[in-house]
Amino acid sequence: MSSLKPSEIVAELDKYIIGQNRAKRSVAIALRNRWRRRKVDPELADEIAPKNIILIGPTGVGKTEIARRLAKLTDSPFYKVEASKFTEVGYVGRDVESIIRDLLEMTINMLKIRAQEAVAGKAAAIAEERVLDLLLPESRDGNTSAGEGESRPGGDVVIESDPEARARISSMAQTREKLKKMLREGKLNDRTVELEMPDKSMPMVEIFSNAGIEEMGINFKDMLGSLMPRGSSKKRRVTVAEALEIISQEEAQGLIDMEKVVSDAKTKVEQSGIIFLDEIDKIAGKTGGSGPDISREGVQRDLLPIIEGSTVNTRHGPVRTDHILFIASGAFHVSKPSDLIPELQGRFPIRVELDSLHKDDFFRILTEPKNALLLQYTALLRTEGIELSFEDEAVNEIAAMAEEVNNLTENIGARRLHTLMEHLLEEILFEAPDMDERKIVIDRAFVVEKLKDVRSDRDLSRYIL
């Protein structure tokens, strides 16, 4: 659990997200409260519920990015889902619990990869010895080093006294050491070996089941797997480099404790999970309507128990949602937060309005963040040996154009910059491999020339999304 102060959290978010200080403060406080709850007496800590947040603002102003960066910053399990996916015809959100199952599966996979990385050194050492066995099969015999004996039927060990045998054993040991050195230096990477691998081919079986089948505690993969023949394997000829990789992965999987991985993942999800519910305004509808409104309210009522705090059954066991932080977002152009059912409104006590982006914001987005758009294009073209630079006046013109097009057409926030930049640099990006000019400076005249069609043709700008 992160012990960052709220001011430190905001400072970290500032490196990637321009403006939106109120939203950053709200999520920073919510995150710090999690750390505080862990320090409270356990009996009281269980009663302290997370303060869920609704971020209100048009698309492209940083709602999703704030939640994603927050999760990455604190190493929290994070899952983004669009609330509107549960509003298809004939579907009223009956399987919203799949959100929790998906979050758990993602967390298990993440922790499994980390556990494999932790034992990678040990797995690589085992893989190295197994590959040496393949390269020098006779070294796998009982007499692999001088002084070893062989067992007789009576159980006694007879020390090898034959000088020729001792010399042979010593020679094999020396050969093995030479091969090990060559293996580590990569000199044997292209040599092929015959590797015995488990036969993973099995009949294709498709299962059509009702959503939520995991509530019954049935895992069809495991159930059908037990009916299939086990132990079958096949031999493949692979290079030594491929063999090392295959065996390392196989050994790493065998070295990790999957029960502990699953247990840790469940704890991590329950105590520090973050679920981002995007487009929540799409399921906020006024009562009294027909069809779609009923469906929307149905989705809200199905989401309610998960957000309130309940136990969701998964194939890895029950998961409690009492302390998962829910961050919802929506533009709320047509509806408003008060159109949500009262019970759901009460579960999102913190509401933050995000500001629309203007010219100055676009200028800062293009230049300031650690992953600024101009830095990305500069890095991409540097791979072709081209040094790309932008004058401040050129960046100002791009920012002004983004604001103008957003005002004339649909306001899609900072996403407008991506398509304007692609339109601006299209010719350079296409011709870069064959260009003689190695240093290109983008000035205001270049921007005006390349983007004049967007400004003059209202219909064209409508299609620049």
Protein backbone atom coordinates (compact mmCIF):
# COMPACT_ATOMS: atom_id res chain seq x y z
CA MET A 1 0.00 0.00 0.00
CA SER A 2 1.40 3.38 -1.01
CA SER A 3 2.41 5.72 1.82
CA LEU A 4 2.62 8.79 -0.44
CA LYS A 5 1.23 12.01 0.97
CA PRO A 6 -1.67 13.61 -0.94
CA SER A 7 0.61 16.42 -2.12
CA GLU A 8 3.14 13.84 -3.40
CA ILE A 9 0.39 11.95 -5.24
CA VAL A 10 -0.75 15.17 -6.93
CA ALA A 11 2.86 16.00 -7.85
CA GLU A 12 3.26 12.58 -9.49
CA LEU A 13 -0.01 12.98 -11.41
CA ASP A 14 1.15 16.43 -12.57
CA LYS A 15 3.96 14.74 -14.50
CA TYR A 16 1.42 13.20 -16.88
CA ILE A 17 -1.83 15.18 -16.57
CA ILE A 18 -2.20 18.92 -17.12
CA GLY A 19 -4.61 20.86 -14.89
CA GLN A 20 -7.66 19.22 -13.26
CA ASN A 21 -6.33 20.01 -9.78
CA ARG A 22 -9.65 19.39 -8.01
CA ALA A 23 -9.92 15.89 -9.45
CA LYS A 24 -6.30 15.13 -8.54
CA ARG A 25 -6.85 16.32 -4.96
CA SER A 26 -9.97 14.15 -4.60
CA VAL A 27 -8.31 10.95 -5.79
CA ALA A 28 -5.19 11.72 -3.71
CA ILE A 29 -7.32 12.05 -0.56
CA ALA A 30 -9.20 8.83 -1.38
CA LEU A 31 -5.92 7.01 -1.82
CA ARG A 32 -4.36 8.37 1.36
CA ASN A 33 -7.50 7.37 3.28
CA ARG A 34 -6.82 3.77 2.26
CA TRP A 35 -3.39 3.96 3.84
CA ARG A 36 -4.90 5.58 6.93
CA ARG A 37 -7.50 2.82 7.23
CA ARG A 38 -4.76 0.20 7.30
CA LYS A 39 -3.29 1.98 10.35
CA VAL A 40 -6.60 2.05 12.25
CA ASP A 41 -7.62 -0.61 14.76
CA PRO A 42 -8.74 -3.65 12.66
CA GLU A 43 -12.19 -3.74 14.24
CA LEU A 44 -12.93 -0.16 13.24
CA ALA A 45 -11.00 -0.38 9.95
CA ASP A 46 -13.51 -2.91 8.64
CA GLU A 47 -16.26 -0.32 9.10
CA ILE A 48 -14.51 2.45 7.16
CA ALA A 49 -15.84 2.37 3.60
CA PRO A 50 -14.00 3.91 0.63
CA LYS A 51 -15.32 7.26 -0.59
CA ASN A 52 -16.16 6.53 -4.20
CA ILE A 53 -15.81 9.32 -6.75
CA ILE A 54 -17.70 10.50 -9.84
CA LEU A 55 -15.59 12.49 -12.31
CA ILE A 56 -17.82 14.72 -14.45
CA GLY A 57 -16.53 16.25 -17.65
CA PRO A 58 -16.40 16.00 -21.45
CA THR A 59 -14.34 13.35 -23.20
CA GLY A 60 -10.60 13.84 -23.55
CA VAL A 61 -10.01 15.96 -20.42
CA GLY A 62 -8.13 13.30 -18.42
CA LYS A 63 -10.73 11.34 -16.44
CA THR A 64 -9.50 7.88 -17.42
CA GLU A 65 -5.86 8.93 -17.34
CA ILE A 66 -6.15 10.15 -13.73
CA ALA A 67 -7.52 6.77 -12.59
CA ARG A 68 -5.01 4.76 -14.65
CA ARG A 69 -2.00 6.75 -13.46
CA LEU A 70 -3.26 6.54 -9.88
CA ALA A 71 -3.38 2.75 -10.05
CA LYS A 72 0.07 2.53 -11.67
CA LEU A 73 1.51 4.94 -9.11
CA THR A 74 0.32 2.81 -6.18
CA ASP A 75 0.69 -0.60 -7.83
CA SER A 76 -3.02 -1.22 -7.27
CA PRO A 77 -5.07 -3.75 -9.24
CA PHE A 78 -6.92 -1.66 -11.83
CA TYR A 79 -9.75 -2.54 -14.18
CA LYS A 80 -11.57 -0.21 -16.57
CA VAL A 81 -15.02 -1.14 -17.78
CA GLU A 82 -17.66 0.80 -19.68
CA ALA A 83 -21.00 0.79 -17.90
CA SER A 84 -22.71 1.00 -21.30
CA LYS A 85 -21.54 -2.52 -22.21
CA PHE A 86 -24.30 -3.84 -19.98
CA THR A 87 -27.10 -2.08 -21.87
CA GLU A 88 -27.34 -4.13 -25.06
CA VAL A 89 -30.81 -5.21 -26.17
CA GLY A 90 -32.07 -8.04 -24.00
CA TYR A 91 -29.22 -7.61 -21.52
CA VAL A 92 -29.82 -5.93 -18.17
CA GLY A 93 -26.48 -6.25 -16.47
CA ARG A 94 -27.10 -9.60 -14.80
CA ASP A 95 -23.40 -10.48 -15.01
CA VAL A 96 -21.87 -7.29 -13.68
CA GLU A 97 -20.04 -9.51 -11.18
CA SER A 98 -17.74 -10.45 -14.07
CA ILE A 99 -16.02 -7.10 -13.36
CA ILE A 100 -14.68 -8.50 -10.09
CA ARG A 101 -13.73 -11.84 -11.65
CA ASP A 102 -11.82 -10.10 -14.44
CA LEU A 103 -10.02 -7.87 -11.94
CA LEU A 104 -9.00 -10.92 -9.89
CA GLU A 105 -7.75 -12.83 -12.96
CA MET A 106 -5.67 -9.84 -14.08
CA THR A 107 -4.16 -9.50 -10.61
CA ILE A 108 -3.33 -13.22 -10.41
CA ASN A 109 -1.57 -13.04 -13.79
CA MET A 110 0.35 -9.94 -12.69
CA LEU A 111 1.53 -11.55 -9.44
CA LYS A 112 2.32 -14.81 -11.22
CA ILE A 113 4.63 -13.00 -13.65
CA ARG A 114 6.36 -11.25 -10.75
CA ALA A 115 6.79 -14.54 -8.89
CA GLN A 116 8.31 -16.12 -12.01
CA GLU A 117 10.69 -13.18 -12.36
CA ALA A 118 11.75 -13.65 -8.71
CA VAL A 119 12.78 -17.28 -9.37
CA ALA A 120 14.11 -16.60 -12.88
CA GLY A 121 17.74 -17.02 -11.79
CA LYS A 122 17.11 -20.40 -10.19
CA ALA A 123 14.99 -21.54 -13.16
CA ALA A 124 17.74 -20.46 -15.59
CA ALA A 125 20.34 -22.47 -13.65
CA ILE A 126 18.16 -25.59 -13.76
CA ALA A 127 17.48 -25.02 -17.47
CA GLU A 128 21.21 -24.73 -18.11
CA GLU A 129 21.88 -28.12 -16.47
CA ARG A 130 19.03 -29.77 -18.39
CA VAL A 131 20.31 -28.41 -21.71
CA LEU A 132 23.80 -29.70 -20.85
CA ASP A 133 22.22 -33.12 -20.25
CA LEU A 134 20.74 -32.94 -23.75
CA LEU A 135 24.07 -31.92 -25.28
CA LEU A 136 26.06 -34.53 -23.33
CA PRO A 137 23.66 -37.38 -22.52
CA GLU A 138 26.32 -39.69 -21.07
CA SER A 139 27.00 -37.18 -18.29
CA ARG A 140 23.59 -38.08 -16.86
CA ASP A 141 24.85 -41.51 -15.80
CA GLY A 142 25.43 -42.24 -12.15
CA ASN A 143 29.21 -41.68 -12.40
CA THR A 144 29.34 -37.98 -13.19
CA SER A 145 32.36 -37.05 -11.12
CA ALA A 146 35.50 -38.67 -9.81
CA GLY A 147 35.13 -40.52 -6.53
CA GLU A 148 31.47 -41.48 -7.02
CA GLY A 149 30.57 -45.11 -6.64
CA GLU A 150 28.02 -47.48 -8.07
CA SER A 151 25.43 -49.43 -6.08
CA ARG A 152 25.51 -53.21 -5.89
CA PRO A 153 22.37 -55.33 -5.32
CA GLY A 154 23.25 -55.72 -1.64
CA GLY A 155 23.06 -51.94 -1.16
CA ASP A 156 26.79 -51.39 -0.54
CA VAL A 157 28.58 -48.69 -2.50
CA VAL A 158 31.75 -49.81 -4.21
CA ILE A 159 34.31 -47.05 -4.85
CA GLU A 160 35.40 -47.07 -8.47
CA SER A 161 39.01 -48.13 -8.51
CA ASP A 162 39.53 -48.62 -12.25
CA PRO A 163 41.95 -45.88 -13.43
CA GLU A 164 40.42 -45.90 -16.92
CA ALA A 165 36.95 -45.33 -15.50
CA ARG A 166 38.25 -42.50 -13.31
CA ALA A 167 39.90 -40.91 -16.34
CA ARG A 168 36.67 -41.24 -18.33
CA ILE A 169 34.65 -39.60 -15.55
CA SER A 170 37.18 -36.79 -15.23
CA SER A 171 37.12 -36.24 -19.00
CA MET A 172 33.33 -36.05 -19.04
CA ALA A 173 33.36 -33.54 -16.18
CA GLN A 174 35.88 -31.38 -18.06
CA THR A 175 33.84 -31.61 -21.26
CA ARG A 176 30.71 -30.61 -19.40
CA GLU A 177 32.46 -27.57 -17.91
CA LYS A 178 33.70 -26.53 -21.37
CA LEU A 179 30.18 -26.88 -22.78
CA LYS A 180 28.79 -24.86 -19.87
CA LYS A 181 31.22 -22.05 -20.61
CA MET A 182 30.35 -22.10 -24.32
CA LEU A 183 26.64 -22.19 -23.45
CA ARG A 184 26.94 -19.10 -21.25
CA GLU A 185 28.89 -17.28 -23.96
CA GLY A 186 26.12 -18.03 -26.48
CA LYS A 187 28.35 -20.08 -28.78
CA LEU A 188 25.91 -23.01 -28.79
CA ASN A 189 22.72 -20.99 -29.37
CA ASP A 190 22.25 -22.19 -32.95
CA ARG A 191 22.90 -25.87 -32.25
CA THR A 192 19.74 -28.01 -32.28
CA VAL A 193 18.67 -30.44 -29.57
CA GLU A 194 15.74 -32.82 -29.22
CA LEU A 195 13.46 -31.63 -26.45
CA GLU A 196 10.62 -33.68 -25.01
CA MET A 197 7.60 -31.48 -24.45
CA PRO A 198 4.10 -32.20 -23.11
CA ASP A 199 1.54 -32.62 -25.88
CA LYS A 200 -0.88 -29.75 -25.35
CA SER A 201 -3.07 -30.58 -28.31
CA MET A 202 -6.55 -31.58 -27.23
CA PRO A 203 -9.99 -31.63 -28.86
CA MET A 204 -11.61 -28.25 -29.32
CA VAL A 205 -14.62 -28.00 -27.02
CA GLU A 206 -16.86 -24.97 -26.98
CA ILE A 207 -19.09 -24.42 -23.98
CA PHE A 208 -22.19 -22.29 -24.16
CA SER A 209 -23.32 -21.39 -20.66
CA ASN A 210 -25.35 -18.77 -18.86
CA ALA A 211 -23.44 -15.81 -17.49
CA GLY A 212 -22.41 -16.22 -13.90
CA ILE A 213 -21.81 -19.98 -14.16
CA GLU A 214 -18.86 -19.55 -11.77
CA GLU A 215 -21.35 -18.96 -8.97
CA MET A 216 -21.86 -22.73 -9.04
CA GLY A 217 -18.15 -23.26 -8.39
CA ILE A 218 -17.67 -25.10 -11.67
CA ASN A 219 -14.50 -24.75 -13.68
CA PHE A 220 -15.18 -26.51 -16.97
CA LYS A 221 -11.55 -26.34 -18.08
CA ASP A 222 -10.37 -28.29 -15.05
CA MET A 223 -13.32 -30.68 -15.22
CA LEU A 224 -12.75 -31.55 -18.88
CA GLY A 225 -8.98 -31.56 -18.40
CA SER A 226 -9.31 -34.42 -15.92
CA LEU A 227 -11.10 -36.49 -18.59
CA MET A 228 -8.32 -36.04 -21.13
CA PRO A 229 -5.33 -38.40 -21.21
CA ARG A 230 -2.34 -37.06 -19.28
CA GLY A 231 1.35 -37.70 -19.52
CA SER A 232 1.52 -37.75 -23.33
CA SER A 233 4.46 -35.91 -24.80
CA LYS A 234 6.14 -35.34 -28.12
CA LYS A 235 9.70 -34.60 -29.17
CA ARG A 236 10.64 -31.41 -30.98
CA ARG A 237 13.90 -30.27 -32.46
CA VAL A 238 14.67 -26.76 -31.24
CA THR A 239 17.76 -24.59 -31.00
CA VAL A 240 19.68 -24.44 -27.73
CA ALA A 241 18.53 -20.82 -27.24
CA GLU A 242 14.88 -21.87 -27.64
CA ALA A 243 15.39 -24.86 -25.35
CA LEU A 244 16.82 -22.63 -22.61
CA GLU A 245 13.81 -20.31 -22.89
CA ILE A 246 11.24 -23.14 -22.91
CA ILE A 247 12.80 -25.01 -20.00
CA SER A 248 13.30 -21.80 -17.96
CA GLN A 249 9.61 -20.95 -18.27
CA GLU A 250 8.61 -24.50 -17.43
CA GLU A 251 10.85 -24.58 -14.35
CA ALA A 252 9.76 -21.10 -13.21
CA GLN A 253 6.12 -22.22 -13.25
CA GLY A 254 7.03 -25.24 -11.18
CA LEU A 255 8.98 -23.20 -8.62
CA ILE A 256 6.24 -20.71 -7.72
CA ASP A 257 3.54 -21.40 -5.14
CA MET A 258 0.29 -20.74 -7.01
CA GLU A 259 -1.82 -21.06 -3.85
CA LYS A 260 0.11 -18.18 -2.32
CA VAL A 261 -0.14 -16.18 -5.56
CA VAL A 262 -3.93 -16.58 -5.60
CA SER A 263 -4.22 -15.76 -1.90
CA ASP A 264 -2.09 -12.62 -2.29
CA ALA A 265 -4.07 -11.58 -5.37
CA LYS A 266 -7.39 -11.87 -3.53
CA THR A 267 -6.05 -9.79 -0.65
CA LYS A 268 -4.65 -7.19 -3.04
CA VAL A 269 -7.96 -6.90 -4.92
CA GLU A 270 -10.01 -6.66 -1.73
CA GLN A 271 -7.77 -4.10 -0.01
CA SER A 272 -6.41 -1.95 -2.84
CA GLY A 273 -8.40 -2.70 -6.00
CA ILE A 274 -9.58 0.20 -8.18
CA ILE A 275 -12.46 -0.18 -10.64
CA PHE A 276 -13.05 2.59 -13.16
CA LEU A 277 -16.67 2.71 -14.39
CA ASP A 278 -16.60 4.77 -17.57
CA GLU A 279 -19.67 6.24 -19.28
CA ILE A 280 -21.82 5.89 -16.17
CA ASP A 281 -23.99 8.69 -17.56
CA LYS A 282 -25.15 6.27 -20.27
CA ILE A 283 -27.00 4.21 -17.65
CA ALA A 284 -28.50 7.29 -15.95
CA GLY A 285 -31.99 7.76 -17.36
CA LYS A 286 -35.14 9.43 -16.18
CA THR A 287 -37.88 7.12 -14.94
CA GLY A 288 -41.12 6.78 -16.77
CA GLY A 289 -39.59 5.93 -20.12
CA SER A 290 -39.75 2.66 -21.99
CA GLY A 291 -37.29 -0.12 -22.85
CA PRO A 292 -33.86 1.52 -22.63
CA ASP A 293 -34.64 3.42 -19.40
CA ILE A 294 -35.79 0.23 -17.72
CA SER A 295 -32.59 -1.49 -18.88
CA ARG A 296 -30.46 1.35 -17.53
CA GLU A 297 -32.10 1.24 -14.14
CA GLY A 298 -31.69 -2.52 -14.12
CA VAL A 299 -27.93 -2.14 -14.68
CA GLN A 300 -27.73 0.39 -11.86
CA ARG A 301 -29.52 -1.94 -9.46
CA ASP A 302 -27.22 -4.80 -10.41
CA LEU A 303 -24.13 -2.64 -9.91
CA LEU A 304 -25.39 -1.44 -6.54
CA PRO A 305 -24.56 -4.55 -4.43
CA ILE A 306 -20.98 -4.67 -5.76
CA ILE A 307 -20.41 -0.98 -5.01
CA GLU A 308 -22.14 -1.22 -1.62
CA GLY A 309 -19.97 -4.15 -0.66
CA SER A 310 -20.82 -7.79 -1.22
CA THR A 311 -19.17 -11.16 -1.76
CA VAL A 312 -18.62 -12.30 -5.34
CA ASN A 313 -18.00 -15.97 -6.03
CA THR A 314 -15.11 -16.73 -8.35
CA ARG A 315 -13.38 -19.96 -9.33
CA HIS A 316 -10.61 -18.99 -6.92
CA GLY A 317 -13.00 -18.51 -4.01
CA PRO A 318 -15.13 -15.64 -2.69
CA VAL A 319 -13.95 -12.03 -3.05
CA ARG A 320 -15.30 -9.20 -0.90
CA THR A 321 -15.87 -5.83 -2.58
CA ASP A 322 -16.37 -3.76 0.61
CA HIS A 323 -13.08 -1.87 0.28
CA ILE A 324 -12.62 -1.69 -3.50
CA LEU A 325 -12.45 1.93 -4.66
CA PHE A 326 -14.90 2.76 -7.47
CA ILE A 327 -14.19 5.76 -9.68
CA ALA A 328 -16.99 6.53 -12.12
CA SER A 329 -16.90 9.02 -14.96
CA GLY A 330 -19.23 10.51 -17.49
CA ALA A 331 -19.80 13.57 -19.65
CA PHE A 332 -23.39 13.97 -18.38
CA HIS A 333 -24.38 16.06 -21.42
CA VAL A 334 -27.93 14.69 -21.60
CA SER A 335 -28.41 13.34 -18.10
CA LYS A 336 -27.05 14.48 -14.73
CA PRO A 337 -25.76 12.63 -11.65
CA SER A 338 -29.11 13.15 -9.92
CA ASP A 339 -30.70 10.96 -12.61
CA LEU A 340 -28.95 7.94 -11.10
CA ILE A 341 -31.05 5.94 -8.67
CA PRO A 342 -30.78 7.42 -5.14
CA GLU A 343 -29.10 4.34 -3.69
CA LEU A 344 -26.32 4.54 -6.28
CA GLN A 345 -25.90 8.29 -5.81
CA GLY A 346 -25.33 7.68 -2.11
CA ARG A 347 -22.46 5.32 -2.91
CA PHE A 348 -20.60 8.06 -4.80
CA PRO A 349 -20.36 10.82 -2.19
CA ILE A 350 -17.54 12.72 -3.95
CA ARG A 351 -18.34 14.47 -7.22
CA VAL A 352 -15.75 16.48 -9.13
CA GLU A 353 -16.28 18.53 -12.26
CA LEU A 354 -13.33 18.56 -14.62
CA ASP A 355 -12.57 21.66 -16.66
CA SER A 356 -12.79 21.86 -20.43
CA LEU A 357 -9.44 22.29 -22.17
CA HIS A 358 -8.39 25.49 -23.91
CA LYS A 359 -5.47 26.74 -25.96
CA ASP A 360 -3.08 27.19 -23.03
CA ASP A 361 -3.91 23.68 -21.76
CA PHE A 362 -3.23 22.19 -25.19
CA PHE A 363 0.12 23.96 -25.36
CA ARG A 364 1.11 22.51 -21.99
CA ILE A 365 -0.17 19.03 -22.94
CA LEU A 366 2.01 19.10 -26.05
CA THR A 367 5.16 20.11 -24.20
CA GLU A 368 5.15 19.48 -20.42
CA PRO A 369 4.20 15.87 -19.49
CA LYS A 370 6.83 13.12 -19.33
CA ASN A 371 4.99 11.43 -22.19
CA ALA A 372 4.25 14.67 -24.09
CA LEU A 373 3.05 14.21 -27.66
CA LEU A 374 5.93 16.20 -29.15
CA LEU A 375 8.44 14.02 -27.28
CA GLN A 376 6.77 10.91 -28.69
CA TYR A 377 7.04 12.05 -32.31
CA THR A 378 10.60 13.29 -31.77
CA ALA A 379 11.58 9.88 -30.39
CA LEU A 380 9.84 8.03 -33.24
CA LEU A 381 11.66 10.00 -35.95
CA ARG A 382 14.98 9.76 -34.13
CA THR A 383 14.86 6.01 -34.91
CA GLU A 384 15.14 7.03 -38.59
CA GLY A 385 18.11 9.31 -37.81
CA ILE A 386 16.02 12.47 -38.09
CA GLU A 387 16.15 15.22 -35.46
CA LEU A 388 12.71 16.85 -35.24
CA SER A 389 12.15 20.09 -33.33
CA PHE A 390 9.23 22.49 -32.87
CA GLU A 391 9.32 26.25 -32.48
CA ASP A 392 7.10 27.70 -29.73
CA GLU A 393 5.04 29.62 -32.30
CA ALA A 394 4.34 26.37 -34.16
CA VAL A 395 3.16 24.67 -30.96
CA ASN A 396 0.97 27.71 -30.20
CA GLU A 397 -0.63 27.40 -33.63
CA ILE A 398 -1.34 23.67 -33.13
CA ALA A 399 -2.93 24.42 -29.74
CA ALA A 400 -5.05 27.23 -31.22
CA MET A 401 -6.15 24.93 -34.06
CA ALA A 402 -7.17 22.20 -31.59
CA GLU A 403 -9.30 24.66 -29.64
CA GLU A 404 -10.88 26.06 -32.81
CA VAL A 405 -11.79 22.64 -34.26
CA ASN A 406 -13.18 21.49 -30.90
CA ASN A 407 -15.39 24.59 -30.76
CA LEU A 408 -16.62 24.20 -34.34
CA THR A 409 -17.31 20.46 -34.15
CA GLU A 410 -17.57 17.85 -31.43
CA ASN A 411 -15.42 18.70 -28.40
CA ILE A 412 -13.19 15.66 -27.86
CA GLY A 413 -10.61 17.38 -25.68
CA ALA A 414 -6.94 16.46 -25.90
CA ARG A 415 -7.66 13.59 -28.29
CA ARG A 416 -7.94 16.25 -31.00
CA LEU A 417 -4.18 16.81 -30.72
CA HIS A 418 -3.40 13.24 -31.81
CA THR A 419 -5.18 13.54 -35.13
CA LEU A 420 -3.92 17.07 -35.78
CA MET A 421 -0.34 15.89 -35.19
CA GLU A 422 -0.81 12.93 -37.53
CA HIS A 423 -2.25 15.25 -40.19
CA LEU A 424 0.61 17.70 -39.66
CA LEU A 425 3.45 15.18 -39.85
CA GLU A 426 1.92 12.67 -42.27
CA GLU A 427 4.30 13.46 -45.15
CA ILE A 428 7.42 13.45 -42.94
CA LEU A 429 6.43 10.17 -41.29
CA PHE A 430 5.86 8.59 -44.70
CA GLU A 431 9.03 9.87 -46.37
CA ALA A 432 11.36 9.63 -43.33
CA PRO A 433 13.27 6.45 -44.38
CA ASP A 434 14.28 8.02 -47.72
CA MET A 435 14.82 11.63 -46.66
CA ASP A 436 18.25 13.23 -47.09
CA GLU A 437 17.48 16.02 -44.65
CA ARG A 438 18.47 14.90 -41.16
CA LYS A 439 17.30 17.94 -39.19
CA ILE A 440 13.76 19.28 -39.49
CA VAL A 441 12.40 22.33 -37.69
CA ILE A 442 8.62 22.78 -37.57
CA ASP A 443 7.72 26.49 -37.64
CA ARG A 444 4.42 28.33 -37.64
CA ALA A 445 4.35 28.66 -41.45
CA PHE A 446 4.67 24.88 -41.83
CA VAL A 447 1.76 24.31 -39.42
CA VAL A 448 -0.47 26.88 -41.17
CA GLU A 449 0.28 25.34 -44.57
CA LYS A 450 -0.33 21.73 -43.52
CA LEU A 451 -3.48 22.40 -41.49
CA LYS A 452 -5.09 25.05 -43.70
CA ASP A 453 -7.50 22.48 -45.15
CA VAL A 454 -8.77 21.64 -41.69
CA ARG A 455 -9.44 25.30 -40.91
CA SER A 456 -11.01 26.21 -44.26
CA ASP A 457 -13.09 23.11 -44.86
CA ARG A 458 -15.72 22.83 -42.15
CA ASP A 459 -16.87 19.44 -43.46
CA LEU A 460 -13.32 18.02 -43.37
CA SER A 461 -12.79 19.12 -39.79
CA ARG A 462 -15.95 17.30 -38.80
CA TYR A 463 -14.32 14.03 -39.76
CA ILE A 464 -11.06 14.64 -37.87
CA LEU A 465 -11.83 12.74 -34.73
